[in-house]
Amino acid sequence: MFFSFEGVSIFYKRHLGVGEPIVLMHGWGGSNVSFSGVYEYLCGYNRDVIALDFPGFGGSDMPLENWGINDYARCVDALIKALKIRKATLVGHSFGGRVALCLSDFDWVKSIVLIDSAGLKPRFSLKKAILIGRYKRAKKAGKDVSNFGSPDYLALTAPMKSVFVRVVNTYLDDKLGNITCPVLIIWGRKDRETPPYMARKLKRKIKGSVLLYLDGGHFAYVENQIKFNRILVEFTGGEAEC
């Protein structure tokens, strides 16, 4: 199914089951397929579940070049309102967690599950500082800098690169202390993309939040699919009857 947000066509799928909806939001570079195992599991218990493709990924259109993280949040809000949903649980992996943090103060958000979430300002990294210094010197000298950047960045089209830069440079640390809905934090013990110190900061700053670790890295929820699914169902109110 598709819905339109400010001229951008966005793909989503929904199993209209019982209970308040669970919205699955994938990471950067992924799509609704990233949550296929979770989606099918929830369908098996006849839960109401939605999985979307963020603009720029999967079956959705490209976002406008001036988009930032708040625009992604607004498009999720528009979907929720278009479907006339009163309350929903947000489940966000990595970039999807960043979007969930942006939406944390919206009145329709019942609870949030953050999976190896992005959105926090990282600690100082000497290695990163050196790379940035090299980039700035090369650019100032008029050299080709098209090969500078992370693999995620280099894989993008020119318009999406500007969106990516805007998104990753927007930090949401200041929102954490104001989150009042229940929050479950699930993290891979060996995550190198969003290291475990970020999980600990989320736990410390979000009052009443719960932190659970899974074996594995940034995609530990996939590596431990059965365990993750059970945790999610329990957090969202138990297994619904088929």
Protein backbone atom coordinates (compact mmCIF):
# COMPACT_ATOMS: atom_id res chain seq x y z
CA MET A 1 0.00 0.00 0.00
CA PHE A 2 1.04 3.60 -0.52
CA PHE A 3 0.23 6.97 0.95
CA SER A 4 1.40 10.41 -0.13
CA PHE A 5 3.16 12.89 2.10
CA GLU A 6 3.91 16.32 0.62
CA GLY A 7 4.13 14.77 -2.83
CA VAL A 8 6.36 11.87 -1.73
CA SER A 9 4.85 8.40 -2.24
CA ILE A 10 5.61 6.11 0.71
CA PHE A 11 5.16 2.35 0.78
CA TYR A 12 3.89 0.52 3.83
CA LYS A 13 2.29 -2.80 4.64
CA ARG A 14 -0.12 -3.58 7.45
CA HIS A 15 -1.56 -6.66 9.06
CA LEU A 16 -4.78 -5.43 10.62
CA GLY A 17 -4.84 -7.65 13.68
CA VAL A 18 -5.80 -7.06 17.29
CA GLY A 19 -4.35 -4.70 19.86
CA GLU A 20 -2.79 -1.30 19.39
CA PRO A 21 -0.55 -1.10 16.30
CA ILE A 22 3.18 -1.82 16.40
CA VAL A 23 5.08 0.30 13.87
CA LEU A 24 8.36 -1.18 12.59
CA MET A 25 10.92 1.37 11.38
CA HIS A 26 14.06 0.17 9.63
CA GLY A 27 17.60 1.49 9.70
CA TRP A 28 19.39 3.63 7.12
CA GLY A 29 19.86 1.71 3.86
CA GLY A 30 17.27 -0.89 4.83
CA SER A 31 13.57 -1.29 4.11
CA ASN A 32 10.55 -3.03 5.57
CA VAL A 33 12.32 -6.29 4.63
CA SER A 34 14.75 -5.63 7.50
CA PHE A 35 11.90 -6.45 9.85
CA SER A 36 10.44 -9.36 7.86
CA GLY A 37 11.05 -11.88 10.63
CA VAL A 38 9.47 -9.64 13.24
CA TYR A 39 6.53 -8.72 11.00
CA GLU A 40 5.69 -12.34 10.19
CA TYR A 41 6.00 -13.36 13.84
CA LEU A 42 3.58 -10.63 14.93
CA CYS A 43 1.20 -11.58 12.13
CA GLY A 44 1.29 -15.14 13.44
CA TYR A 45 -0.11 -13.87 16.73
CA ASN A 46 -2.63 -11.71 14.88
CA ARG A 47 -1.12 -8.48 16.21
CA ASP A 48 -1.82 -5.20 14.45
CA VAL A 49 1.52 -4.40 12.80
CA ILE A 50 2.77 -1.84 10.27
CA ALA A 51 6.12 -1.79 8.45
CA LEU A 52 7.04 1.10 6.18
CA ASP A 53 9.80 2.05 3.78
CA PHE A 54 11.28 5.43 4.64
CA PRO A 55 11.55 7.82 1.67
CA GLY A 56 14.71 7.00 -0.26
CA PHE A 57 14.53 3.29 0.47
CA GLY A 58 12.58 0.21 -0.59
CA GLY A 59 9.41 0.97 -2.52
CA SER A 60 9.13 4.61 -1.43
CA ASP A 61 9.99 7.71 -3.45
CA MET A 62 13.11 9.74 -2.89
CA PRO A 63 12.72 12.48 -0.27
CA LEU A 64 13.13 16.12 -1.15
CA GLU A 65 16.77 17.25 -1.07
CA ASN A 66 16.17 19.59 1.87
CA TRP A 67 14.78 16.85 4.14
CA GLY A 68 16.13 16.23 7.62
CA ILE A 69 15.26 13.93 10.49
CA ASN A 70 12.18 15.95 11.47
CA ASP A 71 10.73 15.45 8.00
CA TYR A 72 11.06 11.70 8.37
CA ALA A 73 9.30 11.97 11.72
CA ARG A 74 6.54 14.08 10.18
CA CYS A 75 5.92 11.50 7.47
CA VAL A 76 5.42 8.78 10.12
CA ASP A 77 3.06 11.08 12.00
CA ALA A 78 1.13 11.68 8.76
CA LEU A 79 0.76 7.93 8.20
CA ILE A 80 -0.52 7.37 11.75
CA LYS A 81 -3.08 10.13 11.32
CA ALA A 82 -4.11 8.93 7.85
CA LEU A 83 -4.81 5.49 9.33
CA LYS A 84 -6.72 7.11 12.24
CA ILE A 85 -4.59 5.36 14.86
CA ARG A 86 -5.05 6.65 18.40
CA LYS A 87 -2.10 4.91 20.08
CA ALA A 88 0.86 2.92 18.74
CA THR A 89 4.18 1.44 19.79
CA LEU A 90 7.22 2.51 17.76
CA VAL A 91 9.97 -0.04 17.12
CA GLY A 92 13.03 1.58 15.55
CA HIS A 93 16.37 0.09 14.56
CA SER A 94 19.33 2.45 14.19
CA PHE A 95 18.02 5.29 11.99
CA GLY A 96 14.48 4.13 12.80
CA GLY A 97 15.33 4.64 16.47
CA ARG A 98 16.43 8.17 15.66
CA VAL A 99 13.01 8.80 14.13
CA ALA A 100 11.32 7.23 17.17
CA LEU A 101 13.18 9.64 19.48
CA CYS A 102 11.92 12.56 17.39
CA LEU A 103 8.36 11.29 17.85
CA SER A 104 8.69 10.51 21.56
CA ASP A 105 6.59 13.49 22.67
CA PHE A 106 3.74 12.95 20.20
CA ASP A 107 0.50 12.16 22.01
CA TRP A 108 -0.24 9.00 20.00
CA VAL A 109 3.02 7.30 21.03
CA LYS A 110 2.17 4.67 23.63
CA SER A 111 5.68 3.20 24.01
CA ILE A 112 9.00 2.92 22.19
CA VAL A 113 11.46 0.12 21.49
CA LEU A 114 14.94 1.40 20.56
CA ILE A 115 17.15 -1.18 18.85
CA ASP A 116 20.81 -0.15 18.55
CA SER A 117 19.46 3.33 18.04
CA ALA A 118 21.22 6.24 16.38
CA GLY A 119 20.60 9.85 17.36
CA LEU A 120 23.05 10.54 20.17
CA LYS A 121 26.16 12.67 19.87
CA PRO A 122 29.12 10.28 19.72
CA ARG A 123 32.15 10.49 21.95
CA PHE A 124 35.25 12.21 20.63
CA SER A 125 37.17 9.93 18.30
CA LEU A 126 40.79 10.74 17.40
CA LYS A 127 40.53 8.55 14.30
CA LYS A 128 37.45 10.41 13.10
CA ALA A 129 39.01 13.78 13.89
CA ILE A 130 42.05 12.88 11.76
CA LEU A 131 39.83 11.82 8.85
CA ILE A 132 37.83 15.03 9.04
CA GLY A 133 41.07 17.02 9.11
CA ARG A 134 42.31 15.24 5.98
CA TYR A 135 39.00 15.92 4.23
CA LYS A 136 39.08 19.65 5.05
CA ARG A 137 42.70 20.02 3.94
CA ALA A 138 42.03 18.18 0.68
CA LYS A 139 38.92 20.25 -0.04
CA LYS A 140 40.77 23.51 0.71
CA ALA A 141 43.54 22.45 -1.66
CA GLY A 142 41.01 21.84 -4.43
CA LYS A 143 41.56 18.09 -4.52
CA ASP A 144 38.93 15.47 -5.37
CA VAL A 145 37.07 14.61 -2.15
CA SER A 146 34.38 12.40 -3.70
CA ASN A 147 35.85 9.29 -2.08
CA PHE A 148 35.78 10.71 1.44
CA GLY A 149 33.05 9.52 3.77
CA SER A 150 31.51 6.42 5.31
CA PRO A 151 30.33 3.47 3.18
CA ASP A 152 26.71 4.54 3.86
CA TYR A 153 27.49 8.02 2.56
CA LEU A 154 29.44 6.91 -0.52
CA ALA A 155 26.66 4.54 -1.60
CA LEU A 156 24.13 7.39 -1.87
CA THR A 157 23.07 9.55 -4.78
CA ALA A 158 24.04 13.22 -4.62
CA PRO A 159 20.61 14.40 -3.35
CA MET A 160 20.51 11.69 -0.68
CA LYS A 161 24.01 12.60 0.48
CA SER A 162 22.78 16.04 1.55
CA VAL A 163 19.86 14.41 3.41
CA PHE A 164 22.23 11.95 5.09
CA VAL A 165 24.61 14.70 6.26
CA ARG A 166 21.70 16.68 7.69
CA VAL A 167 20.29 13.62 9.47
CA VAL A 168 23.50 12.34 11.07
CA ASN A 169 24.46 15.80 12.30
CA THR A 170 21.20 16.27 14.18
CA TYR A 171 21.63 15.03 17.75
CA LEU A 172 18.68 14.26 19.98
CA ASP A 173 20.36 14.05 23.40
CA ASP A 174 18.28 16.97 24.71
CA LYS A 175 15.02 15.07 24.16
CA LEU A 176 15.90 12.15 26.43
CA GLY A 177 15.06 13.76 29.75
CA ASN A 178 11.57 14.68 28.56
CA ILE A 179 10.47 11.20 27.46
CA THR A 180 7.66 9.95 29.67
CA CYS A 181 6.30 6.92 27.76
CA PRO A 182 7.64 3.40 28.48
CA VAL A 183 10.92 2.75 26.64
CA LEU A 184 12.64 -0.58 26.04
CA ILE A 185 16.25 -0.40 24.85
CA ILE A 186 17.67 -3.48 23.10
CA TRP A 187 21.35 -3.52 22.13
CA GLY A 188 23.95 -5.79 20.60
CA ARG A 189 26.81 -6.31 23.04
CA LYS A 190 29.37 -6.03 20.21
CA ASP A 191 27.77 -3.20 18.26
CA ARG A 192 30.46 -1.02 16.71
CA GLU A 193 28.22 1.32 14.70
CA THR A 194 26.26 2.55 17.72
CA PRO A 195 28.47 1.34 20.59
CA PRO A 196 26.99 0.09 23.89
CA TYR A 197 27.96 3.31 25.72
CA MET A 198 25.07 4.89 23.79
CA ALA A 199 22.68 2.29 25.20
CA ARG A 200 23.88 3.11 28.71
CA LYS A 201 23.35 6.82 28.11
CA LEU A 202 19.82 6.21 26.88
CA LYS A 203 19.11 4.09 29.95
CA ARG A 204 20.54 6.76 32.26
CA LYS A 205 18.75 9.70 30.67
CA ILE A 206 15.32 8.19 29.92
CA LYS A 207 13.51 7.83 33.21
CA GLY A 208 12.11 4.34 33.84
CA SER A 209 13.59 2.83 30.69
CA VAL A 210 14.72 -0.80 30.55
CA LEU A 211 17.94 -1.96 28.87
CA LEU A 212 18.45 -5.50 27.56
CA TYR A 213 21.48 -6.82 25.69
CA LEU A 214 21.58 -9.40 22.92
CA ASP A 215 24.60 -11.32 21.65
CA GLY A 216 25.95 -9.88 18.42
CA GLY A 217 26.48 -6.53 16.78
CA HIS A 218 24.41 -3.80 15.15
CA PHE A 219 21.88 -6.32 13.82
CA ALA A 220 21.66 -8.42 16.98
CA TYR A 221 17.87 -8.38 16.75
CA VAL A 222 18.17 -10.38 13.50
CA GLU A 223 20.92 -12.64 14.83
CA ASN A 224 18.72 -13.43 17.85
CA GLN A 225 15.38 -13.26 16.06
CA ILE A 226 13.44 -15.70 18.24
CA LYS A 227 14.56 -14.10 21.49
CA PHE A 228 13.93 -10.59 20.19
CA ASN A 229 10.44 -11.48 18.98
CA ARG A 230 9.49 -12.91 22.36
CA ILE A 231 10.80 -9.83 24.18
CA LEU A 232 8.86 -7.54 21.85
CA VAL A 233 5.59 -9.42 22.25
CA GLU A 234 5.94 -9.42 26.03
CA PHE A 235 6.72 -5.69 26.11
CA THR A 236 3.75 -4.83 23.91
CA GLY A 237 1.20 -6.64 26.01
CA GLY A 238 1.65 -10.36 25.61
CA GLU A 239 0.71 -12.75 22.85
CA ALA A 240 -2.64 -12.06 21.29
CA GLU A 241 -4.94 -14.97 20.56
CA CYS A 242 -5.04 -16.10 16.94
